[in-house]
Structures are given as structure tokens and as C-alpha cells.
Amino acid sequence: MRRGDVINGYRLVSEPTNAGGGKCVWAFAEKGGREFFLKRFLEPKLPRAGASPDTPSVRIRLAACRDFEERHRGIMRRLRPDARGAGNLVLATDFFHERSSYYKVTERIDTDSLAEPHTLEPAHRAVLLRTLGSSLKLLHDIDVVHGDLKPANVLVQRRQGATYHTAKLIDFDDSYLSGRPPGRDAIAGDSLYGAPEWRRYVQGDELVDEPDLTTAVDLFALGLMAHLMVTGALPGHDERYGSPADAVNAGEALAWDPRLSDEMTALVRDLTAWDPGARPSVERFLAVLRDPEVCALGAPRASAPPVAPSRTSRVRFSGSSGGSGGSEGSGSAGGSGAGTPPRSAREDADEAPRRSRVRFTPRGGGAAHDSRGGRDERRA
């Protein structure tokens, strides 16, 4: 890929880059007088023309490509741009392969540069979070897991003359049907925003199976995002662990910003529960945010130290298919949420001395973007 190349009718108008793109190379493109964002996936690769399908390596590659293509086309069929509220989803307009590589195309979106949503007034934060939640609800209503919810995949936009910023959800490359994720060696995501069950799945924990990865994976990330967008930092966690999910899997409690309202504290606490079935639904998230004062920050309050989940012999999840277990309440008892991590995930933490070191992460996940005069032109 080079600037000026034409790929399936799309003429590249910028130099390709993989900045923030993960396993892809992307560029801006033009076709028929319209501007697009075009990405080329680095894997999987189709076998070269003429390769014998009887060769074991070719069969393996063809199977991987078939699964990849079926997953992407299946998600595109479910995510319809004409669905009510789909205007805040930046959806793929084309998906194809040329030679050995797969490509995906979306509309190019220009957004306001808003690096610090927590600096907005409470009512503006509430609108921003509600549009994010509404976008996520569209996915969950059709049993689609976004799979990579993080700041880099949320575009903040304020249309000319509009009062409020809104959130556009992008990048559905890692999406899958609830309970039907890619295999452990193929699933993608972000370890910082990943849910406890996702972390265990990618780490090879045999107690976590494909049906355990549901829309509740997104709810854990939504809780982290809400804390970040209101306070400017992720929840604190013991610095022995590399992510909030790793801390929760070890039975450690997350630490909430003491300036949060009681309602927001309860909401993010429940969304980040270890047990996927204990996480409230997106509907509950939206209901809490109807009151913009929930997003207000008060003076720091003295609070009791976080309480880790109680120890029991439970080793499996509650069996919920995606975060509906706590949809009408936010009453999980303290700490990182309902449910108890299995012994296999806690052994190291049990043997290590308990310390109170807690880390607040100021920011998470940079967006891939191309700044032009104070505006971000981000990947979709």
C-alpha cells in the first residue's frame, strides 16, 4: 500500500500507517468523490493463487480465512446502518479481499479533539456517557459483543451548533456473537480494558469456555470507561497487577475516586463485578444517568477501605448470558463486585503478603488519529 495506489476502486490519499491500528495498516481513501477510511488486515492471509488445497498448511490457512470472513460478514449483516440510533455507530461500508489480503472500509469521520471529557460539566458528561451506552445497547440487543471497548474506539463529536458532545462507537473488527467468541489463539482485545473472564480465556484457563464470553465483557469495560470519563483516571488497583481485571481475578478490590457520587460509585462498582452475571445491563446504566448530577464530582470524602470479595468455593460463573443479573439494582456488597474468583486465579495473591499499594491510571489507550489544526481524524 502506498499513497496514490488504487485498491478495489479506492484511491489512497494518505500514506498508510499502522499507528494505533493493531494488526492492520490503514490509510484515508477516496472513491466517487467521497472520503473513506480503509484498512488492510495483516492476518489472516489467503494462500497464493494456484496453491494446492490438499497441502496441510494451505488447508489451515483456508480454514482461518473462512472463519475470519464469516465472522466479519456476519457482524456486518447484523449491524445495519438504517437501524434506529445507528447514527452513533461507525459501520463498515465494504469488506473484500484483493490478492492475499482482506480489507475493510468505513466512512471517514472528523471529530472534535476532546482529550479530557472529565473537564466537561456534569450534564455534558452524562450526555456523552448516555450516547456511548445507547450505542452499546444497539449491539447488545442483537447479541453482538463489541469486544474492544476503550477510549481509542470512542470518537467524541460535537456537530456545528450543537450544545453537547456525543460519542460514536467505532472499530467492530473484534466483535463476535455473545457466547461465540473466536478461539483463544485468535481473539483480540485490550488487556487494560478487558474483563476478568476474557483475561482468563486468553490466558488458557480451562474453567472459562466460549459461552462464558458474553455481552457482559463490554459491561466491565463500560464501568472502567465511565470512571475514566468522569474523573480522568481509571479505578485504582494494587500495582502488583497489570490491569483492573487481573486485580479482580486475584480477589483484590478496585479503588474508586472518592469524589464520585454515591450513585456513580455503585454503578461502576457493579459494572466491574468479577461475576459477569452480576453486572447490571446497559438499560440500568442509562437509567442511572438520567440524572446528570450522578456525573458530578464532590469534595473527597473519607471512606472505608475497599473490601475484597468474600472467599467461597465457587469456581464457575453464574451462567448468565450477558449482564442481566443485576439489571434492576446496584447492591453488590462492596469491593470489586459480586462473585468470587476461582482458587486457580487467586493462588499467587493468597501466597503474597497483602499490601495496600493502589495505583490510579490517568489515561487509557491512545487513539490512532491524524491531527489537523486541532481536529482529530480517527480510524474507524
Protein backbone atom coordinates (compact mmCIF):
# COMPACT_ATOMS: atom_id res chain seq x y z
CA MET A 1 0.00 0.00 0.00
CA ARG A 2 1.28 3.41 -1.00
CA ARG A 3 -0.28 6.83 -1.36
CA GLY A 4 -1.84 7.01 -4.82
CA ASP A 5 -2.48 3.26 -5.07
CA VAL A 6 -5.96 2.20 -6.16
CA ILE A 7 -7.37 -0.81 -4.33
CA ASN A 8 -10.74 -2.11 -5.49
CA GLY A 9 -11.60 1.37 -6.73
CA TYR A 10 -10.40 3.22 -3.60
CA ARG A 11 -7.55 5.67 -4.24
CA LEU A 12 -5.30 6.17 -1.22
CA VAL A 13 -4.91 9.86 -0.36
CA SER A 14 -2.60 9.47 2.65
CA GLU A 15 0.46 7.41 3.43
CA PRO A 16 -0.51 4.09 5.04
CA THR A 17 0.39 3.58 8.68
CA ASN A 18 -0.24 1.07 11.42
CA ALA A 19 -0.22 3.70 14.19
CA GLY A 20 -2.75 2.53 16.76
CA GLY A 21 -4.11 0.06 14.24
CA GLY A 22 -3.15 -3.21 15.89
CA LYS A 23 -2.98 -5.97 13.30
CA CYS A 24 -3.74 -3.74 10.33
CA VAL A 25 -2.36 -0.98 8.13
CA TRP A 26 -4.69 1.91 7.38
CA ALA A 27 -4.99 5.00 5.20
CA PHE A 28 -7.56 7.53 4.07
CA ALA A 29 -9.00 6.93 0.64
CA GLU A 30 -11.30 8.49 -1.95
CA LYS A 31 -13.89 6.91 -4.21
CA GLY A 32 -16.66 8.56 -6.20
CA GLY A 33 -15.98 11.94 -4.61
CA ARG A 34 -16.40 10.59 -1.06
CA GLU A 35 -13.76 10.09 1.62
CA PHE A 36 -13.22 6.80 3.39
CA PHE A 37 -11.06 5.07 5.95
CA LEU A 38 -9.51 1.91 4.51
CA LYS A 39 -7.64 -0.74 6.46
CA ARG A 40 -5.74 -3.81 5.33
CA PHE A 41 -5.58 -6.68 7.78
CA LEU A 42 -2.13 -8.14 8.29
CA GLU A 43 -3.61 -11.55 9.03
CA PRO A 44 -5.01 -13.94 8.07
CA LYS A 45 -3.53 -14.24 4.59
CA LEU A 46 -5.17 -16.13 1.76
CA PRO A 47 -2.94 -18.74 0.09
CA ARG A 48 -1.35 -17.65 -3.15
CA ALA A 49 -3.21 -18.40 -6.35
CA GLY A 50 -2.59 -21.94 -7.54
CA ALA A 51 -1.65 -23.31 -4.12
CA SER A 52 -2.83 -26.89 -3.65
CA PRO A 53 -5.75 -27.14 -1.19
CA ASP A 54 -4.51 -30.62 -0.30
CA THR A 55 -1.44 -29.19 1.43
CA PRO A 56 -1.94 -29.19 5.23
CA SER A 57 -0.63 -25.63 5.64
CA VAL A 58 -2.95 -24.40 2.88
CA ARG A 59 -5.95 -26.13 4.45
CA ILE A 60 -5.18 -24.47 7.78
CA ARG A 61 -4.89 -21.03 6.17
CA LEU A 62 -8.09 -21.50 4.19
CA ALA A 63 -9.97 -22.53 7.34
CA ALA A 64 -8.67 -19.48 9.22
CA CYS A 65 -9.67 -17.19 6.35
CA ARG A 66 -13.12 -18.77 6.11
CA ASP A 67 -13.75 -18.24 9.83
CA PHE A 68 -12.42 -14.66 9.62
CA GLU A 69 -14.60 -13.79 6.64
CA GLU A 70 -17.73 -15.41 8.07
CA ARG A 71 -17.34 -13.54 11.36
CA HIS A 72 -16.86 -10.15 9.71
CA ARG A 73 -19.66 -10.59 7.19
CA GLY A 74 -21.97 -11.94 9.89
CA ILE A 75 -21.41 -8.88 12.09
CA MET A 76 -21.95 -6.58 9.10
CA ARG A 77 -25.29 -8.26 8.37
CA ARG A 78 -26.45 -7.70 11.94
CA LEU A 79 -25.21 -4.11 12.26
CA ARG A 80 -27.48 -2.26 9.87
CA PRO A 81 -26.81 1.46 9.27
CA ASP A 82 -30.56 2.08 8.91
CA ALA A 83 -31.33 0.82 12.43
CA ARG A 84 -32.79 3.40 14.81
CA GLY A 85 -29.93 5.11 16.68
CA ALA A 86 -27.26 3.58 14.44
CA GLY A 87 -26.02 7.06 13.58
CA ASN A 88 -23.62 6.80 16.51
CA LEU A 89 -22.11 3.58 15.16
CA VAL A 90 -19.39 3.99 12.55
CA LEU A 91 -20.11 0.87 10.49
CA ALA A 92 -18.22 -0.81 7.69
CA THR A 93 -19.41 0.03 4.20
CA ASP A 94 -17.29 -2.53 2.35
CA PHE A 95 -15.34 -5.71 3.09
CA PHE A 96 -13.34 -7.52 0.42
CA HIS A 97 -10.09 -9.27 -0.36
CA GLU A 98 -7.55 -8.48 -3.04
CA ARG A 99 -4.80 -10.97 -3.73
CA SER A 100 -3.91 -12.43 -0.33
CA SER A 101 -5.15 -9.61 1.93
CA TYR A 102 -8.51 -8.66 3.44
CA TYR A 103 -9.69 -5.04 3.52
CA LYS A 104 -12.44 -3.17 5.35
CA VAL A 105 -13.79 0.30 4.56
CA THR A 106 -15.72 2.82 6.67
CA GLU A 107 -16.78 6.41 6.22
CA ARG A 108 -14.15 8.95 7.24
CA ILE A 109 -15.23 10.77 10.39
CA ASP A 110 -13.88 14.14 11.55
CA THR A 111 -14.22 14.71 15.28
CA ASP A 112 -13.53 17.42 17.80
CA SER A 113 -10.33 16.97 19.76
CA LEU A 114 -11.52 16.30 23.31
CA ALA A 115 -8.77 14.53 25.19
CA GLU A 116 -10.27 15.12 28.64
CA PRO A 117 -14.04 14.50 28.82
CA HIS A 118 -13.88 14.77 32.61
CA THR A 119 -13.33 18.53 32.25
CA LEU A 120 -16.87 18.94 30.89
CA GLU A 121 -19.80 19.97 33.06
CA PRO A 122 -21.73 17.08 34.70
CA ALA A 123 -24.67 17.38 32.28
CA HIS A 124 -22.28 17.16 29.32
CA ARG A 125 -20.53 14.12 30.78
CA ALA A 126 -23.91 12.46 31.29
CA VAL A 127 -24.93 13.04 27.66
CA LEU A 128 -21.59 11.71 26.44
CA LEU A 129 -21.91 8.55 28.54
CA ARG A 130 -25.55 8.07 27.60
CA THR A 131 -24.77 8.19 23.87
CA LEU A 132 -21.99 5.68 24.46
CA GLY A 133 -24.36 3.46 26.42
CA SER A 134 -27.06 3.77 23.76
CA SER A 135 -24.61 2.70 21.07
CA LEU A 136 -23.60 -0.30 23.14
CA LYS A 137 -27.26 -1.18 23.72
CA LEU A 138 -27.79 -1.41 19.95
CA LEU A 139 -25.11 -4.09 19.84
CA HIS A 140 -26.29 -5.99 22.89
CA ASP A 141 -29.90 -6.01 21.68
CA ILE A 142 -28.77 -8.14 18.73
CA ASP A 143 -26.38 -10.25 20.86
CA VAL A 144 -23.22 -8.65 19.49
CA VAL A 145 -20.20 -8.10 21.74
CA HIS A 146 -18.04 -5.14 20.72
CA GLY A 147 -15.01 -6.89 22.17
CA ASP A 148 -12.62 -3.93 22.28
CA LEU A 149 -14.35 -1.09 24.11
CA LYS A 150 -11.76 1.53 25.08
CA PRO A 151 -11.14 5.29 24.61
CA ALA A 152 -9.40 4.77 21.26
CA ASN A 153 -12.60 3.26 19.88
CA VAL A 154 -14.91 6.05 21.02
CA LEU A 155 -14.96 9.18 18.87
CA VAL A 156 -16.18 12.33 20.59
CA GLN A 157 -18.10 14.61 18.26
CA ARG A 158 -19.97 17.90 18.57
CA ARG A 159 -21.79 18.95 15.45
CA GLN A 160 -21.78 22.60 14.43
CA GLY A 161 -24.30 24.48 16.51
CA ALA A 162 -24.86 21.58 18.91
CA THR A 163 -24.70 22.08 22.67
CA TYR A 164 -23.45 18.66 23.70
CA HIS A 165 -20.71 16.29 22.65
CA THR A 166 -21.78 12.80 21.65
CA ALA A 167 -19.88 9.52 21.44
CA LYS A 168 -19.52 7.50 18.25
CA LEU A 169 -18.53 3.86 18.66
CA ILE A 170 -16.04 2.54 16.10
CA ASP A 171 -13.93 -0.49 15.21
CA PHE A 172 -16.00 -3.67 15.19
CA ASP A 173 -13.13 -5.81 13.91
CA ASP A 174 -13.00 -7.76 17.18
CA SER A 175 -16.78 -8.11 17.57
CA TYR A 176 -18.45 -11.50 17.88
CA LEU A 177 -21.79 -13.04 18.79
CA SER A 178 -22.44 -13.32 22.51
CA GLY A 179 -21.15 -16.67 23.75
CA ARG A 180 -19.42 -17.41 20.44
CA PRO A 181 -16.02 -15.67 20.54
CA PRO A 182 -13.06 -16.55 18.32
CA GLY A 183 -10.67 -19.18 19.63
CA ARG A 184 -8.18 -18.41 22.36
CA ASP A 185 -5.40 -18.01 19.81
CA ALA A 186 -7.43 -15.70 17.57
CA ILE A 187 -9.46 -13.47 19.91
CA ALA A 188 -8.28 -9.88 20.24
CA GLY A 189 -8.92 -7.02 22.63
CA ASP A 190 -7.17 -4.69 25.05
CA SER A 191 -5.72 -6.12 28.26
CA LEU A 192 -6.21 -2.86 30.16
CA TYR A 193 -9.96 -2.75 29.49
CA GLY A 194 -10.55 -6.49 29.20
CA ALA A 195 -12.99 -8.24 31.54
CA PRO A 196 -11.81 -10.84 34.08
CA GLU A 197 -13.35 -13.74 32.15
CA TRP A 198 -11.76 -12.51 28.90
CA ARG A 199 -8.36 -12.34 30.57
CA ARG A 200 -8.73 -15.89 31.87
CA TYR A 201 -9.89 -17.10 28.45
CA VAL A 202 -6.88 -15.68 26.60
CA GLN A 203 -4.56 -16.97 29.33
CA GLY A 204 -5.81 -20.51 28.76
CA ASP A 205 -7.88 -21.00 31.92
CA GLU A 206 -9.85 -24.19 31.22
CA LEU A 207 -12.60 -23.11 33.62
CA VAL A 208 -13.59 -20.39 31.14
CA ASP A 209 -15.22 -21.61 27.94
CA GLU A 210 -16.50 -19.81 24.85
CA PRO A 211 -20.09 -19.48 26.20
CA ASP A 212 -18.71 -17.51 29.17
CA LEU A 213 -17.71 -14.59 26.93
CA THR A 214 -20.95 -12.66 26.53
CA THR A 215 -22.06 -9.05 26.21
CA ALA A 216 -21.05 -8.72 29.88
CA VAL A 217 -17.45 -8.44 28.63
CA ASP A 218 -18.36 -4.98 27.31
CA LEU A 219 -20.07 -4.03 30.58
CA PHE A 220 -16.83 -4.40 32.55
CA ALA A 221 -15.10 -2.08 30.07
CA LEU A 222 -18.05 0.32 30.24
CA GLY A 223 -17.59 0.60 34.00
CA LEU A 224 -13.92 1.47 33.55
CA MET A 225 -14.77 3.96 30.81
CA ALA A 226 -17.40 5.66 32.97
CA HIS A 227 -14.89 6.10 35.81
CA LEU A 228 -12.31 7.46 33.35
CA MET A 229 -14.67 9.88 31.60
CA VAL A 230 -15.99 11.31 34.87
CA THR A 231 -12.73 11.51 36.85
CA GLY A 232 -9.93 11.43 34.28
CA ALA A 233 -8.47 8.20 35.67
CA LEU A 234 -9.22 4.50 35.73
CA PRO A 235 -10.14 2.90 39.07
CA GLY A 236 -7.14 2.27 41.27
CA HIS A 237 -5.81 -1.24 41.78
CA ASP A 238 -2.95 -2.96 43.54
CA GLU A 239 0.16 -2.22 41.50
CA ARG A 240 1.23 -5.84 41.55
CA TYR A 241 -1.30 -6.37 38.77
CA GLY A 242 -1.11 -5.04 35.23
CA SER A 243 -4.81 -4.33 34.77
CA PRO A 244 -8.04 -3.91 36.74
CA ALA A 245 -9.24 -7.33 35.54
CA ASP A 246 -6.07 -9.05 36.73
CA ALA A 247 -6.53 -7.45 40.14
CA VAL A 248 -10.18 -8.53 40.29
CA ASN A 249 -9.25 -12.08 39.24
CA ALA A 250 -6.80 -12.17 42.13
CA GLY A 251 -9.56 -11.19 44.56
CA GLU A 252 -8.33 -7.62 45.02
CA ALA A 253 -10.80 -4.76 45.28
CA LEU A 254 -10.65 -1.81 42.92
CA ALA A 255 -10.46 1.68 44.42
CA TRP A 256 -12.93 4.34 43.32
CA ASP A 257 -12.25 8.05 43.19
CA PRO A 258 -13.63 9.40 46.50
CA ARG A 259 -15.15 12.41 44.71
CA LEU A 260 -17.64 10.23 42.84
CA SER A 261 -21.32 10.45 43.73
CA ASP A 262 -22.78 7.52 45.63
CA GLU A 263 -24.82 6.54 42.57
CA MET A 264 -21.82 6.56 40.23
CA THR A 265 -19.69 4.67 42.73
CA ALA A 266 -22.34 1.94 42.97
CA LEU A 267 -22.72 1.83 39.19
CA VAL A 268 -19.05 1.42 38.32
CA ARG A 269 -18.57 -0.99 41.22
CA ASP A 270 -21.31 -3.26 39.93
CA LEU A 271 -20.25 -2.99 36.30
CA THR A 272 -16.77 -4.21 37.27
CA ALA A 273 -18.01 -7.21 39.25
CA TRP A 274 -15.98 -10.40 38.84
CA ASP A 275 -19.11 -12.42 38.06
CA PRO A 276 -20.41 -11.46 34.59
CA GLY A 277 -23.97 -12.26 35.63
CA ALA A 278 -23.82 -9.73 38.46
CA ARG A 279 -23.09 -6.79 36.16
CA PRO A 280 -26.07 -4.51 35.51
CA SER A 281 -27.40 -4.20 31.98
CA VAL A 282 -26.92 -1.23 29.68
CA GLU A 283 -30.55 -0.31 30.40
CA ARG A 284 -29.66 0.10 34.07
CA PHE A 285 -26.61 2.17 33.11
CA LEU A 286 -28.80 4.51 31.04
CA ALA A 287 -31.43 4.76 33.77
CA VAL A 288 -28.89 5.86 36.39
CA LEU A 289 -27.50 8.51 34.04
CA ARG A 290 -30.88 10.17 33.51
CA ASP A 291 -29.90 12.37 36.44
CA PRO A 292 -26.87 14.40 35.27
CA GLU A 293 -25.85 15.11 38.87
CA VAL A 294 -24.74 11.49 39.06
CA CYS A 295 -21.75 12.63 36.99
CA ALA A 296 -20.86 15.49 39.35
CA LEU A 297 -17.71 15.31 41.45
CA GLY A 298 -17.86 16.35 45.08
CA ALA A 299 -15.24 17.05 47.69
CA PRO A 300 -13.18 13.98 48.56
CA ARG A 301 -14.87 12.03 51.33
CA ALA A 302 -13.34 9.78 53.91
CA SER A 303 -14.40 6.25 53.13
CA ALA A 304 -13.85 2.77 54.43
CA PRO A 305 -11.06 0.83 52.71
CA PRO A 306 -12.26 -1.32 49.82
CA VAL A 307 -13.37 -4.80 50.80
CA ALA A 308 -12.24 -7.75 48.70
CA PRO A 309 -14.86 -10.30 47.68
CA SER A 310 -15.60 -12.96 50.26
CA ARG A 311 -13.93 -16.33 49.81
CA THR A 312 -16.12 -19.24 48.77
CA SER A 313 -15.65 -22.45 46.83
CA ARG A 314 -17.32 -21.21 43.64
CA VAL A 315 -15.22 -21.83 40.56
CA ARG A 316 -17.65 -21.12 37.73
CA PHE A 317 -19.70 -18.14 36.66
CA SER A 318 -23.37 -17.80 37.42
CA GLY A 319 -24.30 -18.84 33.89
CA SER A 320 -25.91 -15.56 32.87
CA SER A 321 -25.82 -14.90 29.17
CA GLY A 322 -24.74 -11.33 29.50
CA GLY A 323 -25.06 -8.99 32.41
CA SER A 324 -28.76 -9.09 33.21
CA GLY A 325 -28.39 -10.46 36.71
CA GLY A 326 -28.08 -7.07 38.36
CA SER A 327 -30.09 -5.03 35.92
CA GLU A 328 -32.55 -3.63 38.42
CA GLY A 329 -30.25 -2.82 41.27
CA SER A 330 -26.78 -1.88 42.31
CA GLY A 331 -26.50 -3.62 45.60
CA SER A 332 -23.45 -5.84 45.36
CA ALA A 333 -21.60 -5.82 48.58
CA GLY A 334 -18.51 -3.67 48.45
CA GLY A 335 -15.19 -4.41 46.81
CA SER A 336 -14.76 -5.23 43.16
CA GLY A 337 -18.19 -6.74 42.77
CA ALA A 338 -20.22 -9.90 43.16
CA GLY A 339 -18.80 -13.38 42.84
CA THR A 340 -15.50 -14.85 43.92
CA PRO A 341 -12.51 -15.62 41.72
CA PRO A 342 -11.64 -19.30 41.48
CA ARG A 343 -8.81 -20.69 43.52
CA SER A 344 -6.65 -21.10 40.42
CA ALA A 345 -6.75 -17.35 39.80
CA ARG A 346 -6.11 -16.46 43.43
CA GLU A 347 -3.22 -18.69 44.47
CA ASP A 348 -0.47 -16.16 43.81
CA ALA A 349 -2.38 -13.41 45.58
CA ASP A 350 -3.06 -15.66 48.58
CA GLU A 351 0.60 -16.52 48.97
CA ALA A 352 1.82 -12.94 48.54
CA PRO A 353 1.73 -10.58 51.51
CA ARG A 354 -1.28 -8.26 51.46
CA ARG A 355 -0.28 -4.67 50.86
CA SER A 356 -2.29 -1.55 50.29
CA ARG A 357 -0.43 -0.22 47.29
CA VAL A 358 -3.01 1.18 44.91
CA ARG A 359 -2.41 2.68 41.50
CA PHE A 360 -4.65 5.10 39.64
CA THR A 361 -4.14 5.01 35.89
CA PRO A 362 -4.52 8.54 34.49
CA ARG A 363 -5.37 7.60 30.96
CA GLY A 364 -6.05 4.52 28.92
CA GLY A 365 -5.43 3.62 25.33
CA GLY A 366 -4.38 6.17 22.77
CA ALA A 367 -6.41 6.64 19.63
CA ALA A 368 -4.97 6.26 16.20
CA HIS A 369 -5.52 9.65 14.68
CA ASP A 370 -4.17 12.22 12.33
CA SER A 371 -4.35 15.69 13.82
CA ARG A 372 -5.05 18.59 11.52
CA GLY A 373 -5.30 22.01 13.09
CA GLY A 374 -6.88 20.98 16.37
CA ARG A 375 -9.14 18.29 14.93
CA ASP A 376 -8.74 14.55 15.11
CA GLU A 377 -9.41 12.41 12.08
CA ARG A 378 -9.52 9.00 13.64
CA ARG A 379 -9.66 5.49 12.39
CA ALA A 380 -12.96 3.66 12.39
